[in-house]
Amino acid sequence: MWPPPSVFPNRMKSTMSETTLKGIENYLRQRKEQLITRLEKVQQDVTAEHSADWVEQAQERQNDEVMDAIGNESRVELSRINQALERLERGEYTTCSQCGETINLQRLEAVPYTDLCIQCASAAD
């Protein structure tokens, strides 16, 4: 669940503190590891040997489709997290990639891998 309660002990209303950014970075790194582990498990499940029984094979194929969907969603989230970590390293994390304005702290807490301020995100929808 994001954000973990202990991530923002010294939260500031209008400016980003180093503590806040470090908390977000730690969360993103932890989430990245979780997704990598999930993708490894998905890969193991999908490449597992299938049963010789036709009925069981049908169920296994349905399960494989679900696992593929989970894997695809995980890859998308992992990509967005990697991009967020790159923006943090470049010092661009709090800047909207579209308009250049500062992304609100509450938005980054809610969607830590976003690169759009709320106005640009709303306009894109």
Protein backbone atom coordinates (compact mmCIF):
# COMPACT_ATOMS: atom_id res chain seq x y z
CA MET A 1 0.00 0.00 0.00
CA TRP A 2 1.42 3.38 -0.97
CA PRO A 3 2.47 5.39 0.85
CA PRO A 4 3.69 3.36 3.78
CA PRO A 5 2.86 5.36 6.96
CA SER A 6 6.50 5.85 7.97
CA VAL A 7 7.71 7.20 4.62
CA PHE A 8 6.85 10.86 5.25
CA PRO A 9 7.61 11.66 8.90
CA ASN A 10 8.63 15.29 8.24
CA ARG A 11 6.20 16.11 5.44
CA MET A 12 6.19 19.71 4.26
CA LYS A 13 3.10 21.23 2.66
CA SER A 14 4.51 23.26 -0.20
CA THR A 15 8.06 22.12 -0.85
CA MET A 16 9.74 18.78 -1.32
CA SER A 17 12.14 17.89 1.45
CA GLU A 18 15.09 15.60 1.00
CA THR A 19 13.45 13.20 3.45
CA THR A 20 10.32 13.05 1.32
CA LEU A 21 12.24 12.44 -1.90
CA LYS A 22 14.38 9.79 -0.21
CA GLY A 23 11.22 8.09 1.08
CA ILE A 24 9.74 8.04 -2.42
CA GLU A 25 13.00 6.77 -3.88
CA ASN A 26 13.15 3.97 -1.29
CA TYR A 27 9.56 3.01 -2.05
CA LEU A 28 10.26 2.96 -5.80
CA ARG A 29 13.33 0.76 -5.31
CA GLN A 30 11.41 -1.66 -3.08
CA ARG A 31 8.53 -1.81 -5.54
CA LYS A 32 11.01 -2.43 -8.37
CA GLU A 33 12.41 -5.45 -6.51
CA GLN A 34 8.88 -6.76 -5.88
CA LEU A 35 8.05 -6.47 -9.58
CA ILE A 36 11.26 -8.18 -10.65
CA THR A 37 10.46 -11.07 -8.28
CA ARG A 38 6.89 -11.22 -9.60
CA LEU A 39 8.12 -11.31 -13.21
CA GLU A 40 10.52 -14.14 -12.39
CA LYS A 41 7.66 -16.15 -10.86
CA VAL A 42 5.41 -15.43 -13.83
CA GLN A 43 8.15 -16.63 -16.18
CA GLN A 44 8.55 -19.83 -14.17
CA ASP A 45 4.80 -20.48 -14.17
CA VAL A 46 4.37 -19.83 -17.88
CA THR A 47 7.31 -22.02 -18.89
CA ALA A 48 6.35 -24.90 -16.57
CA GLU A 49 5.65 -28.22 -18.24
CA HIS A 50 1.99 -28.81 -19.06
CA SER A 51 -0.09 -31.85 -18.20
CA ALA A 52 -0.77 -34.61 -20.72
CA ASP A 53 -4.49 -34.47 -19.85
CA TRP A 54 -6.45 -32.30 -22.34
CA VAL A 55 -8.83 -30.94 -19.73
CA GLU A 56 -5.98 -29.93 -17.46
CA GLN A 57 -4.13 -28.42 -20.43
CA ALA A 58 -7.12 -26.18 -21.17
CA GLN A 59 -7.11 -24.92 -17.57
CA GLU A 60 -3.34 -24.47 -17.64
CA ARG A 61 -3.60 -22.40 -20.83
CA GLN A 62 -6.21 -20.16 -19.23
CA ASN A 63 -3.90 -19.75 -16.25
CA ASP A 64 -1.04 -18.92 -18.62
CA GLU A 65 -3.14 -16.15 -20.17
CA VAL A 66 -3.80 -14.68 -16.73
CA MET A 67 -0.12 -14.93 -15.86
CA ASP A 68 0.79 -13.21 -19.16
CA ALA A 69 -1.57 -10.35 -18.32
CA ILE A 70 -0.05 -10.03 -14.84
CA GLY A 71 3.41 -10.07 -16.40
CA ASN A 72 2.48 -7.38 -18.91
CA GLU A 73 1.07 -5.10 -16.21
CA SER A 74 4.17 -5.67 -14.08
CA ARG A 75 6.48 -4.83 -16.99
CA VAL A 76 4.62 -1.56 -17.64
CA GLU A 77 4.80 -0.57 -13.97
CA LEU A 78 8.47 -1.56 -13.80
CA SER A 79 9.24 0.60 -16.83
CA ARG A 80 7.48 3.59 -15.25
CA ILE A 81 9.37 3.05 -12.00
CA ASN A 82 12.70 2.88 -13.84
CA GLN A 83 11.84 6.15 -15.60
CA ALA A 84 10.95 7.77 -12.25
CA LEU A 85 14.25 6.63 -10.73
CA GLU A 86 16.12 8.08 -13.72
CA ARG A 87 14.28 11.40 -13.27
CA LEU A 88 15.25 11.37 -9.57
CA GLU A 89 18.90 10.85 -10.51
CA ARG A 90 18.76 13.72 -13.02
CA GLY A 91 17.03 16.02 -10.53
CA GLU A 92 13.91 16.23 -12.72
CA TYR A 93 11.57 14.10 -10.60
CA THR A 94 9.38 16.94 -9.32
CA THR A 95 9.10 18.68 -12.70
CA CYS A 96 6.21 17.96 -15.06
CA SER A 97 7.57 16.52 -18.31
CA GLN A 98 4.91 18.32 -20.31
CA CYS A 99 4.58 21.86 -18.94
CA GLY A 100 7.68 22.18 -16.74
CA GLU A 101 5.74 23.16 -13.61
CA THR A 102 6.37 21.53 -10.23
CA ILE A 103 4.40 18.34 -9.57
CA ASN A 104 2.43 18.63 -6.32
CA LEU A 105 3.69 16.54 -3.39
CA GLN A 106 0.29 14.91 -2.87
CA ARG A 107 0.26 13.79 -6.51
CA LEU A 108 3.71 12.24 -6.20
CA GLU A 109 2.64 10.49 -3.02
CA ALA A 110 -0.44 9.09 -4.76
CA VAL A 111 1.30 8.15 -8.02
CA PRO A 112 5.05 8.05 -7.30
CA TYR A 113 6.04 7.18 -10.86
CA THR A 114 4.07 9.95 -12.55
CA ASP A 115 5.84 12.47 -14.74
CA LEU A 116 2.83 14.76 -15.17
CA CYS A 117 1.31 17.38 -12.91
CA ILE A 118 -2.40 17.00 -12.20
CA GLN A 119 -3.38 19.60 -14.81
CA CYS A 120 -1.44 17.88 -17.62
CA ALA A 121 -2.64 14.44 -16.54
CA SER A 122 -6.25 15.64 -16.52
CA ALA A 123 -5.85 17.19 -19.96
CA ALA A 124 -4.38 13.92 -21.30
CA ASP A 125 -7.44 11.92 -20.13
